């Protein structure tokens, strides 16, 4: 038999929060961290 995925509301909200935070960190990395590291690399 197939296991039914029974997540609590708190677990669902935590998973949703990660989906909102991950793109934010990706944008911050792309706009701030990557150019700073590249600047160090080429100096």
PDB file of N, CA and C in Angstrom:
ATOM      1  N   UNK A   1       0.828  -1.198   0.000  1.00  0.00           N
ATOM      2  CA  UNK A   1       0.000   0.000   0.000  1.00  0.00           C
ATOM      3  C   UNK A   1       0.865   1.251   0.000  1.00  0.00           C
ATOM      4  N   UNK A   2       0.306   2.299  -0.516  1.00  0.00           N
ATOM      5  CA  UNK A   2       1.011   3.572  -0.604  1.00  0.00           C
ATOM      6  C   UNK A   2       0.844   4.348   0.688  1.00  0.00           C
ATOM      7  N   UNK A   3       1.956   4.915   1.149  1.00  0.00           N
ATOM      8  CA  UNK A   3       1.920   5.711   2.371  1.00  0.00           C
ATOM      9  C   UNK A   3       1.292   7.070   2.068  1.00  0.00           C
ATOM     10  N   UNK A   4       0.349   7.465   2.878  1.00  0.00           N
ATOM     11  CA  UNK A   4      -0.309   8.758   2.709  1.00  0.00           C
ATOM     12  C   UNK A   4       0.528   9.821   3.407  1.00  0.00           C
ATOM     13  N   UNK A   5       0.802  10.895   2.683  1.00  0.00           N
ATOM     14  CA  UNK A   5       1.607  11.987   3.223  1.00  0.00           C
ATOM     15  C   UNK A   5       0.737  12.817   4.166  1.00  0.00           C
ATOM     16  N   UNK A   6       1.007  12.708   5.458  1.00  0.00           N
ATOM     17  CA  UNK A   6       0.210  13.435   6.443  1.00  0.00           C
ATOM     18  C   UNK A   6       1.095  14.441   7.149  1.00  0.00           C
ATOM     19  N   UNK A   7       1.189  15.620   6.564  1.00  0.00           N
ATOM     20  CA  UNK A   7       1.961  16.692   7.171  1.00  0.00           C
ATOM     21  C   UNK A   7       1.023  17.569   7.983  1.00  0.00           C
ATOM     22  N   UNK A   8       1.535  18.034   9.091  1.00  0.00           N
ATOM     23  CA  UNK A   8       0.747  18.962   9.887  1.00  0.00           C
ATOM     24  C   UNK A   8       0.760  20.327   9.217  1.00  0.00           C
ATOM     25  N   UNK A   9      -0.125  21.192   9.656  1.00  0.00           N
ATOM     26  CA  UNK A   9      -0.183  22.541   9.098  1.00  0.00           C
ATOM     27  C   UNK A   9       1.128  23.273   9.332  1.00  0.00           C
ATOM     28  N   UNK A  10       1.729  23.064  10.484  1.00  0.00           N
ATOM     29  CA  UNK A  10       3.005  23.719  10.789  1.00  0.00           C
ATOM     30  C   UNK A  10       4.099  23.240   9.832  1.00  0.00           C
ATOM     31  N   UNK A  11       4.133  21.962   9.519  1.00  0.00           N
ATOM     32  CA  UNK A  11       5.124  21.434   8.589  1.00  0.00           C
ATOM     33  C   UNK A  11       4.886  21.962   7.175  1.00  0.00           C
ATOM     34  N   UNK A  12       3.627  22.075   6.773  1.00  0.00           N
ATOM     35  CA  UNK A  12       3.319  22.623   5.454  1.00  0.00           C
ATOM     36  C   UNK A  12       3.749  24.079   5.358  1.00  0.00           C
ATOM     37  N   UNK A  13       3.506  24.849   6.413  1.00  0.00           N
ATOM     38  CA  UNK A  13       3.906  26.252   6.414  1.00  0.00           C
ATOM     39  C   UNK A  13       5.421  26.395   6.404  1.00  0.00           C
ATOM     40  N   UNK A  14       6.122  25.514   7.108  1.00  0.00           N
ATOM     41  CA  UNK A  14       7.584  25.557   7.114  1.00  0.00           C
ATOM     42  C   UNK A  14       8.122  25.253   5.723  1.00  0.00           C
ATOM     43  N   UNK A  15       7.549  24.287   5.053  1.00  0.00           N
ATOM     44  CA  UNK A  15       7.977  23.948   3.693  1.00  0.00           C
ATOM     45  C   UNK A  15       7.703  25.114   2.747  1.00  0.00           C
ATOM     46  N   UNK A  16       6.557  25.751   2.881  1.00  0.00           N
ATOM     47  CA  UNK A  16       6.231  26.904   2.046  1.00  0.00           C
ATOM     48  C   UNK A  16       7.200  28.050   2.309  1.00  0.00           C
ATOM     49  N   UNK A  17       7.567  28.246   3.557  1.00  0.00           N
ATOM     50  CA  UNK A  17       8.511  29.314   3.903  1.00  0.00           C
ATOM     51  C   UNK A  17       9.848  29.092   3.209  1.00  0.00           C
ATOM     52  N   UNK A  18      10.308  27.855   3.154  1.00  0.00           N
ATOM     53  CA  UNK A  18      11.565  27.576   2.453  1.00  0.00           C
ATOM     54  C   UNK A  18      11.456  27.931   0.974  1.00  0.00           C
ATOM     55  N   UNK A  19      10.314  27.652   0.363  1.00  0.00           N
ATOM     56  CA  UNK A  19      10.141  27.966  -1.054  1.00  0.00           C
ATOM     57  C   UNK A  19      10.141  29.469  -1.301  1.00  0.00           C
ATOM     58  N   UNK A  20       9.772  30.272  -0.296  1.00  0.00           N
ATOM     59  CA  UNK A  20       9.838  31.725  -0.438  1.00  0.00           C
ATOM     60  C   UNK A  20      11.233  32.262  -0.151  1.00  0.00           C
ATOM     61  N   UNK A  21      11.951  31.627   0.751  1.00  0.00           N
ATOM     62  CA  UNK A  21      13.258  32.131   1.170  1.00  0.00           C
ATOM     63  C   UNK A  21      14.358  31.766   0.174  1.00  0.00           C
ATOM     64  N   UNK A  22      14.298  30.592  -0.411  1.00  0.00           N
ATOM     65  CA  UNK A  22      15.354  30.135  -1.317  1.00  0.00           C
ATOM     66  C   UNK A  22      15.556  31.084  -2.507  1.00  0.00           C
ATOM     67  N   UNK A  23      14.503  31.527  -3.206  1.00  0.00           N
ATOM     68  CA  UNK A  23      14.744  32.478  -4.305  1.00  0.00           C
ATOM     69  C   UNK A  23      15.321  33.807  -3.826  1.00  0.00           C
ATOM     70  N   UNK A  24      14.929  34.227  -2.638  1.00  0.00           N
ATOM     71  CA  UNK A  24      15.467  35.467  -2.089  1.00  0.00           C
ATOM     72  C   UNK A  24      16.963  35.354  -1.880  1.00  0.00           C
ATOM     73  N   UNK A  25      17.412  34.247  -1.305  1.00  0.00           N
ATOM     74  CA  UNK A  25      18.845  34.046  -1.114  1.00  0.00           C
ATOM     75  C   UNK A  25      19.570  33.930  -2.454  1.00  0.00           C
ATOM     76  N   UNK A  26      18.936  33.328  -3.440  1.00  0.00           N
ATOM     77  CA  UNK A  26      19.561  33.219  -4.758  1.00  0.00           C
ATOM     78  C   UNK A  26      19.757  34.600  -5.378  1.00  0.00           C
ATOM     79  N   UNK A  27      18.771  35.469  -5.228  1.00  0.00           N
ATOM     80  CA  UNK A  27      18.890  36.831  -5.763  1.00  0.00           C
ATOM     81  C   UNK A  27      19.974  37.602  -5.025  1.00  0.00           C
ATOM     82  N   UNK A  28      20.001  37.493  -3.702  1.00  0.00           N
ATOM     83  CA  UNK A  28      21.033  38.180  -2.919  1.00  0.00           C
ATOM     84  C   UNK A  28      22.411  37.675  -3.320  1.00  0.00           C
ATOM     85  N   UNK A  29      22.546  36.377  -3.492  1.00  0.00           N
ATOM     86  CA  UNK A  29      23.827  35.821  -3.909  1.00  0.00           C
ATOM     87  C   UNK A  29      24.232  36.372  -5.266  1.00  0.00           C
ATOM     88  N   UNK A  30      23.287  36.411  -6.183  1.00  0.00           N
ATOM     89  CA  UNK A  30      23.598  36.876  -7.525  1.00  0.00           C
ATOM     90  C   UNK A  30      23.945  38.351  -7.595  1.00  0.00           C
ATOM     91  N   UNK A  31      23.334  39.161  -6.760  1.00  0.00           N
ATOM     92  CA  UNK A  31      23.537  40.606  -6.829  1.00  0.00           C
ATOM     93  C   UNK A  31      24.634  41.126  -5.911  1.00  0.00           C
ATOM     94  N   UNK A  32      24.961  40.387  -4.862  1.00  0.00           N
ATOM     95  CA  UNK A  32      25.923  40.886  -3.876  1.00  0.00           C
ATOM     96  C   UNK A  32      27.153  39.994  -3.772  1.00  0.00           C
ATOM     97  N   UNK A  33      26.951  38.750  -3.471  1.00  0.00           N
ATOM     98  CA  UNK A  33      28.064  37.856  -3.151  1.00  0.00           C
ATOM     99  C   UNK A  33      28.882  37.522  -4.394  1.00  0.00           C
ATOM    100  N   UNK A  34      28.229  37.171  -5.486  1.00  0.00           N
ATOM    101  CA  UNK A  34      28.966  36.781  -6.691  1.00  0.00           C
ATOM    102  C   UNK A  34      29.875  37.898  -7.208  1.00  0.00           C
ATOM    103  N   UNK A  35      29.392  39.137  -7.366  1.00  0.00           N
ATOM    104  CA  UNK A  35      30.306  40.191  -7.830  1.00  0.00           C
ATOM    105  C   UNK A  35      31.449  40.458  -6.851  1.00  0.00           C
ATOM    106  N   UNK A  36      31.184  40.361  -5.558  1.00  0.00           N
ATOM    107  CA  UNK A  36      32.251  40.574  -4.578  1.00  0.00           C
ATOM    108  C   UNK A  36      33.319  39.492  -4.706  1.00  0.00           C
ATOM    109  N   UNK A  37      32.901  38.250  -4.828  1.00  0.00           N
ATOM    110  CA  UNK A  37      33.867  37.160  -4.989  1.00  0.00           C
ATOM    111  C   UNK A  37      34.609  37.273  -6.319  1.00  0.00           C
ATOM    112  N   UNK A  38      33.913  37.666  -7.356  1.00  0.00           N
ATOM    113  CA  UNK A  38      34.555  37.830  -8.663  1.00  0.00           C
ATOM    114  C   UNK A  38      35.580  38.959  -8.618  1.00  0.00           C
ATOM    115  N   UNK A  39      35.266  40.020  -7.909  1.00  0.00           N
ATOM    116  CA  UNK A  39      36.191  41.137  -7.766  1.00  0.00           C
ATOM    117  C   UNK A  39      37.465  40.694  -7.047  1.00  0.00           C
ATOM    118  N   UNK A  40      37.325  39.878  -6.032  1.00  0.00           N
ATOM    119  CA  UNK A  40      38.495  39.344  -5.322  1.00  0.00           C
ATOM    120  C   UNK A  40      39.295  38.441  -6.263  1.00  0.00           C
ATOM    121  N   UNK A  41      38.594  37.645  -7.060  1.00  0.00           N
ATOM    122  CA  UNK A  41      39.252  36.707  -7.970  1.00  0.00           C
ATOM    123  C   UNK A  41      40.103  37.434  -9.011  1.00  0.00           C
ATOM    124  N   UNK A  42      39.585  38.527  -9.581  1.00  0.00           N
ATOM    125  CA  UNK A  42      40.320  39.198 -10.651  1.00  0.00           C
ATOM    126  C   UNK A  42      41.359  40.183 -10.128  1.00  0.00           C
ATOM    127  N   UNK A  43      41.348  40.463  -8.844  1.00  0.00           N
ATOM    128  CA  UNK A  43      42.318  41.431  -8.309  1.00  0.00           C
ATOM    129  C   UNK A  43      43.680  40.798  -8.073  1.00  0.00           C
TER     130      UNK A  43
END
